[in-house]
Protein backbone atom coordinates (compact mmCIF):
# COMPACT_ATOMS: atom_id res chain seq x y z
CA MET A 1 123.92 41.11 21.58
CA MET A 2 127.26 41.08 19.79
CA ASN A 3 128.55 44.10 17.87
CA HIS A 4 128.08 44.35 14.10
CA THR A 5 131.82 44.34 13.36
CA LEU A 6 132.27 40.97 15.02
CA LYS A 7 129.08 39.69 13.44
CA ASN A 8 130.30 40.65 9.93
CA GLN A 9 133.80 39.27 10.46
CA CYS A 10 132.45 35.91 11.57
CA LYS A 11 129.66 35.84 9.00
CA VAL A 12 130.09 32.93 6.59
CA SER A 13 127.75 31.40 4.02
CA PRO A 14 126.47 27.81 3.93
CA GLY A 15 128.94 25.63 2.08
CA THR A 16 132.00 27.55 3.32
CA ILE A 17 134.85 25.26 4.34
CA ILE A 18 136.51 26.19 7.63
CA SER A 19 140.03 24.77 7.62
CA GLY A 20 141.96 24.62 10.89
CA LYS A 21 145.42 26.16 10.66
CA TRP A 22 147.03 23.90 13.25
CA HIS A 23 145.07 20.64 13.31
CA LEU A 24 144.20 20.67 9.59
CA GLN A 25 140.60 19.58 10.14
CA ASN A 26 137.93 20.76 7.67
CA TYR A 27 134.37 21.75 8.55
CA SER A 28 131.63 22.49 6.04
CA ILE A 29 129.18 25.14 7.24
CA ILE A 30 125.50 24.11 6.99
CA LYS A 31 123.69 27.01 8.64
CA GLU A 32 123.88 29.57 11.44
CA LEU A 33 122.45 28.43 14.76
CA GLY A 34 122.73 31.73 16.63
CA TYR A 35 125.01 34.48 17.84
CA GLY A 36 125.69 36.30 21.06
CA ALA A 37 128.06 38.76 22.68
CA ASN A 38 131.18 36.72 22.01
CA GLY A 39 130.71 34.94 18.71
CA VAL A 40 128.62 33.10 16.14
CA VAL A 41 127.62 29.43 16.34
CA TYR A 42 127.14 27.35 13.20
CA LEU A 43 125.91 23.90 12.42
CA ALA A 44 128.69 22.24 10.42
CA LYS A 45 129.61 18.88 9.03
CA HIS A 46 132.89 17.10 9.77
CA LYS A 47 133.29 13.94 7.74
CA ASN A 48 129.87 12.31 8.32
CA THR A 49 129.13 13.91 11.67
CA ARG A 50 127.20 17.07 12.48
CA VAL A 51 128.95 19.38 14.90
CA ALA A 52 128.49 22.86 16.34
CA LEU A 53 131.24 25.34 15.50
CA LYS A 54 131.66 28.64 17.34
CA MET A 55 133.95 31.35 15.98
CA SER A 56 135.03 34.67 17.44
CA ASP A 57 137.74 37.29 16.97
CA ASN A 58 138.07 37.36 20.76
CA GLY A 59 140.72 34.76 21.53
CA MET A 60 140.34 35.24 25.29
CA SER A 61 136.63 34.49 25.06
CA ILE A 62 137.29 31.30 23.11
CA THR A 63 139.92 30.22 25.64
CA SER A 64 137.54 30.86 28.53
CA GLU A 65 134.70 28.84 26.99
CA VAL A 66 137.05 26.01 26.07
CA ASN A 67 138.20 25.86 29.69
CA VAL A 68 134.58 25.65 30.81
CA LEU A 69 133.87 22.75 28.45
CA LYS A 70 137.00 20.95 29.64
CA SER A 71 135.90 21.48 33.21
CA PHE A 72 132.42 20.12 32.46
CA ALA A 73 133.90 16.98 30.93
CA LYS A 74 136.34 16.49 33.80
CA VAL A 75 133.70 16.76 36.50
CA GLN A 76 130.66 15.19 34.85
CA GLY A 77 132.06 12.93 32.13
CA PRO A 78 130.10 11.96 28.98
CA GLY A 79 126.62 13.43 28.79
CA ALA A 80 127.61 16.39 30.96
CA LEU A 81 125.47 19.50 31.25
CA GLY A 82 127.53 21.15 28.52
CA PRO A 83 128.50 19.77 25.10
CA SER A 84 131.66 17.72 24.55
CA LEU A 85 134.66 19.63 23.20
CA LEU A 86 135.99 18.23 19.91
CA ASP A 87 138.53 20.69 18.49
CA VAL A 88 140.10 24.13 19.02
CA ASP A 89 141.88 25.97 16.20
CA ASP A 90 142.26 29.12 14.10
CA TRP A 91 140.89 29.81 10.64
CA VAL A 92 142.74 32.19 8.33
CA SER A 93 140.32 33.83 5.89
CA ASP A 94 140.50 36.83 3.58
CA GLN A 95 139.31 39.00 6.46
CA GLY A 96 142.00 37.79 8.85
CA ARG A 97 142.44 35.15 11.51
CA VAL A 98 139.44 33.96 13.48
CA SER A 99 139.57 31.60 16.44
CA PHE A 100 137.03 28.80 16.67
CA TYR A 101 136.20 25.69 18.61
CA VAL A 102 134.10 22.68 17.69
CA MET A 103 131.74 20.93 20.04
CA GLU A 104 129.14 18.20 20.10
CA TYR A 105 125.92 19.18 18.33
CA ILE A 106 123.12 18.63 20.82
CA GLN A 107 119.78 17.91 19.17
CA GLY A 108 116.35 18.19 20.71
CA PRO A 109 113.65 20.69 21.67
CA ASP A 110 114.42 23.51 24.06
CA PHE A 111 113.20 23.23 27.65
CA LEU A 112 109.85 24.99 27.28
CA SER A 113 109.06 23.38 23.92
CA PHE A 114 109.65 19.93 25.41
CA LEU A 115 107.23 20.63 28.28
CA GLN A 116 104.65 21.99 25.86
CA GLU A 117 104.91 18.90 23.67
CA LYS A 118 105.32 16.14 26.26
CA GLY A 119 103.41 17.61 29.20
CA LYS A 120 104.24 19.45 32.39
CA SER A 121 104.41 16.18 34.31
CA TRP A 122 108.09 16.23 33.32
CA THR A 123 108.70 19.60 35.00
CA SER A 124 109.76 18.42 38.45
CA VAL A 125 111.98 15.61 37.14
CA LEU A 126 113.84 17.96 34.81
CA PHE A 127 114.35 20.58 37.53
CA LEU A 128 115.71 17.97 39.93
CA GLN A 129 118.10 16.90 37.18
CA LEU A 130 119.16 20.49 36.41
CA LEU A 131 119.83 21.24 40.08
CA ASN A 132 121.91 18.07 40.37
CA ASP A 133 124.05 19.23 37.44
CA LEU A 134 124.43 22.67 39.01
CA VAL A 135 125.64 21.07 42.25
CA GLN A 136 128.59 19.59 40.36
CA LEU A 137 129.23 22.76 38.36
CA HIS A 138 129.27 24.96 41.48
CA GLU A 139 131.45 22.55 43.43
CA ASN A 140 134.01 22.84 40.64
CA GLY A 141 134.16 26.61 41.05
CA TRP A 142 131.92 27.82 38.21
CA VAL A 143 128.60 29.64 37.92
CA PHE A 144 126.54 29.14 34.77
CA GLY A 145 125.47 32.79 34.53
CA ASP A 146 123.18 33.09 31.53
CA LEU A 147 120.82 30.31 32.56
CA LYS A 148 117.57 30.37 30.56
CA PRO A 149 115.25 27.93 28.72
CA GLU A 150 116.68 28.81 25.30
CA ASN A 151 120.07 27.52 26.42
CA LEU A 152 118.66 24.23 27.70
CA ILE A 153 117.98 21.36 25.31
CA VAL A 154 116.21 18.14 26.27
CA THR A 155 117.77 15.15 24.54
CA GLY A 156 116.76 11.51 24.76
CA PRO A 157 115.27 9.09 25.27
CA PRO A 158 115.56 8.98 28.19
CA PRO A 159 115.08 12.77 28.50
CA LYS A 160 118.21 14.57 29.71
CA ILE A 161 118.86 18.30 30.06
CA ARG A 162 121.90 19.56 28.17
CA CYS A 163 123.21 23.07 27.62
CA ILE A 164 124.10 24.52 24.22
CA ASP A 165 125.79 27.77 25.26
CA VAL A 166 128.43 28.13 27.97
CA GLY A 167 129.39 31.68 26.99
CA GLY A 168 128.08 33.15 30.23
CA THR A 169 129.76 30.63 32.53
CA THR A 170 131.93 32.51 35.01
CA ILE A 171 134.46 31.64 37.71
CA GLN A 172 132.92 32.13 41.14
CA GLY A 173 133.64 35.48 42.73
CA ARG A 174 133.88 37.42 39.48
CA ALA A 175 131.22 39.55 37.78
CA ILE A 176 128.70 37.70 35.60
CA LYS A 177 129.81 37.95 31.95
CA GLU A 178 126.47 37.51 30.19
CA PHE A 179 122.88 37.61 31.37
CA THR A 180 119.31 37.86 30.13
CA GLU A 181 117.21 40.41 32.01
CA PHE A 182 114.20 38.26 32.90
CA TYR A 183 116.43 35.68 34.66
CA ASP A 184 118.86 38.21 36.17
CA ARG A 185 118.40 39.08 39.85
CA GLY A 186 120.09 42.44 39.33
CA TYR A 187 117.37 43.42 36.86
CA TRP A 188 114.68 42.66 39.46
CA GLY A 189 116.57 44.47 42.22
CA LEU A 190 117.04 41.27 44.22
CA GLY A 191 120.80 40.94 44.33
CA SER A 192 124.13 41.63 42.70
CA ARG A 193 125.66 40.20 39.54
CA LYS A 194 128.44 38.50 41.47
CA ALA A 195 129.06 34.96 40.23
CA GLU A 196 127.92 32.74 43.10
CA PRO A 197 125.60 29.71 43.31
CA SER A 198 122.66 31.81 44.50
CA TYR A 199 122.78 33.72 41.19
CA ASP A 200 122.11 30.52 39.23
CA LEU A 201 119.43 29.40 41.70
CA PHE A 202 117.58 32.69 41.21
CA ALA A 203 117.57 31.93 37.48
CA VAL A 204 116.24 28.41 38.13
CA ALA A 205 113.34 29.93 40.08
CA MET A 206 112.64 32.31 37.20
CA ILE A 207 112.63 29.40 34.76
CA MET A 208 110.09 27.68 37.01
CA ILE A 209 107.95 30.81 36.79
CA ASN A 210 108.57 30.89 33.04
CA THR A 211 106.95 27.44 32.66
CA ALA A 212 103.65 29.02 33.72
CA TYR A 213 104.25 32.21 31.70
CA PRO A 214 105.70 30.97 28.37
CA LYS A 215 105.78 34.52 26.97
CA ARG A 216 107.27 35.88 30.22
CA PHE A 217 105.99 39.22 31.49
CA SER A 218 107.26 42.76 31.82
CA LYS A 219 108.78 44.32 34.90
CA THR A 220 106.42 46.80 36.56
CA SER A 221 106.99 47.37 40.26
CA GLY A 222 109.83 44.86 40.27
CA GLY A 223 111.19 43.31 43.42
CA ILE A 224 109.89 40.30 45.28
CA SER A 225 106.31 41.62 45.47
CA GLN A 226 105.70 41.42 41.72
CA LEU A 227 107.30 37.99 41.39
CA GLN A 228 105.46 36.63 44.42
CA GLU A 229 102.16 37.80 42.98
CA SER A 230 102.95 36.12 39.65
CA VAL A 231 103.48 32.82 41.50
CA LYS A 232 100.21 33.10 43.43
CA GLN A 233 98.24 33.65 40.22
CA LYS A 234 99.23 30.27 38.74
CA THR A 235 97.93 27.05 40.31
CA GLU A 236 100.79 24.96 38.93
CA LEU A 237 103.34 27.14 40.74
CA LEU A 238 101.71 27.09 44.17
CA LYS A 239 103.16 23.68 45.11
CA PHE A 240 106.63 25.11 44.47
CA GLU A 241 105.91 28.51 46.04
CA LYS A 242 108.16 28.16 49.08
CA VAL A 243 111.06 26.87 47.00
CA ILE A 244 110.69 29.60 44.38
CA LEU A 245 110.45 32.42 46.92
CA LYS A 246 113.47 31.19 48.89
CA ALA A 247 115.54 31.07 45.70
CA LEU A 248 114.35 34.51 44.57
CA GLN A 249 115.36 36.02 47.91
CA GLY A 250 118.78 34.39 47.96
CA HIS A 251 118.10 32.03 50.87
CA TYR A 252 119.87 29.13 49.14
CA SER A 253 123.66 29.17 49.14
CA HIS A 254 123.93 25.72 47.59
CA ALA A 255 122.00 23.91 44.85
CA LYS A 256 121.73 20.86 47.15
CA GLN A 257 119.52 22.86 49.50
CA MET A 258 117.13 23.90 46.75
CA ARG A 259 117.05 20.39 45.32
CA ALA A 260 116.22 18.89 48.74
CA ASP A 261 113.41 21.38 49.29
CA LEU A 262 112.04 20.80 45.80
CA PHE A 263 112.00 17.06 46.39
CA ASP A 264 110.28 17.51 49.77
CA SER A 265 107.60 19.68 48.15
CA LEU A 266 106.85 16.84 45.74
CA VAL A 267 106.51 14.02 48.27
CA GLU A 268 105.09 15.72 51.34
CA LYS A 269 101.43 15.09 52.09
CA LYS A 270 99.14 17.31 54.03
CA ALA A 271 98.82 15.91 57.52
CA ALA A 272 95.32 15.35 58.88
CA PRO A 273 94.35 17.97 61.45
CA PRO A 274 94.84 16.76 65.05
CA PRO A 275 91.72 15.87 67.03
CA LEU A 276 90.23 18.57 69.22
CA ARG A 277 91.46 18.35 72.78
CA THR A 278 90.26 19.92 75.97
CA PHE A 279 92.47 22.32 77.82
CA ALA A 280 93.08 19.74 80.56
CA THR A 281 94.11 17.05 78.08
CA ALA A 282 96.45 19.40 76.23
CA ASN A 283 97.96 20.62 79.49
CA ASN A 284 98.56 17.05 80.66
CA ALA A 285 100.22 16.10 77.38
CA ALA A 286 102.46 19.15 77.56
CA THR A 287 103.48 18.25 81.11
CA GLN A 288 104.40 14.69 80.07
CA THR A 289 106.46 15.97 77.15
CA GLN A 290 108.28 18.38 79.43
CA ARG A 291 109.14 15.56 81.82
CA LYS A 292 110.55 13.40 79.02
CA ASN A 293 112.72 16.25 77.77
CA THR A 294 113.90 17.06 81.30
CA SER A 295 114.95 13.45 81.85
CA GLY A 296 117.18 13.52 78.79
CA GLY A 297 114.83 11.92 76.27
CA GLN A 298 114.42 13.29 72.76
CA SER A 299 111.18 15.00 71.82
CA PRO A 300 108.93 13.27 69.27
CA SER A 301 109.53 16.12 66.80
CA ARG A 302 113.30 15.65 67.00
CA ARG A 303 113.05 11.89 66.59
CA ALA A 304 110.67 12.34 63.65
CA TYR A 305 113.05 14.81 62.05
CA ARG A 306 115.98 12.42 62.35
CA ARG A 307 113.95 9.55 60.92
CA LYS A 308 112.87 11.78 58.04
CA ARG A 309 116.45 12.80 57.19
CA LYS A 310 117.65 9.19 57.45
CA LYS A 311 115.04 8.03 54.97
CA SER A 312 115.24 11.01 52.62
CA GLY A 313 117.99 9.53 50.45
CA TRP A 314 116.05 6.32 49.79
CA LEU A 315 112.77 8.17 49.34
CA GLU A 316 114.34 10.47 46.75
CA PHE A 317 115.87 7.55 44.87
CA LEU A 318 112.62 5.57 44.83
CA PHE A 319 110.51 8.60 43.89
CA ILE A 320 112.69 9.59 40.95
CA ALA A 321 113.02 5.98 39.79
CA VAL A 322 109.25 5.44 39.79
CA VAL A 323 108.47 8.77 38.12
CA LEU A 324 111.13 8.31 35.46
CA GLY A 325 109.95 4.76 34.80
CA ILE A 326 106.35 5.85 34.27
CA LEU A 327 107.23 8.90 32.19
CA TYR A 328 109.78 7.02 30.10
CA ALA A 329 107.27 4.25 29.33
CA TRP A 330 104.75 6.90 28.27
CA TYR A 331 107.38 8.73 26.25
CA THR A 332 108.48 5.54 24.45
CA PHE A 333 104.89 4.46 23.72
CA ASN A 334 104.05 7.84 22.16
CA ASN A 335 107.16 7.79 20.01
CA LEU A 336 106.71 4.33 18.49
CA PRO A 337 106.89 4.37 14.66
């Protein structure tokens, strides 16, 4: 939460005209969208376009967030995880000078509202998409930090996850600037608040849990035991259990790893149990396998693994394409006028 002094200084009424000192652009305030530790965000109108305007008396905070938005645009281009940056300036009011920046206004329901309205069949597709965006963000040296459903908006069609608040985004290696307890591994006693990819991936796992517990839940015993039990109590989370638990315990150092495991959990099928074999048959098979390995041949399990990895790229592409096609057709049909 931001302090009351900053809140009052940045408090403006609908209809107020924010005039940039340097770029001479005017923005008419429509309403407040929200506020946090480093400023207040407003919906504003510039000419005939709606924009989001964030103001703060902390110039360093504004500079940091502007750098994040520039980095997003550089790495991901149009439609990046974060909003597009439109303007950066100062506004001189009766209460003094206030720094502000203007960004693209991203419209749509938040993450959990979208799933509630459109169905949880979208869950896996959206998480694969989010993890893909985090891959690019992390590879550019940033950690999102305050990752939570309220900061994620689903635009479209076709549905695409976008972020509306980059205030918690932190350079890797530093301390996390902003966090929300439920999604913070430090709160659960499962890691530090150092900005590293595993911090974001813990938050992704908590968002996955959040989809089954829309109202969240309170910390009791804390630690992995409470979170593991919460996963086991929800049928829809069991298929992601291994992925969630690995992320909660910090076993992923890269978003690519979590994304690959999530994809595998979606496409893998339970293998039929092998036929019963006598001891003699099993012993003979083991002897033959040993001979093949001794003679330099690869074991069936190794060959199968290599074939699986070789095909994984095409399988992932085809799976996502098919799922998106079906879901998009359903989405379009249900949104016809």
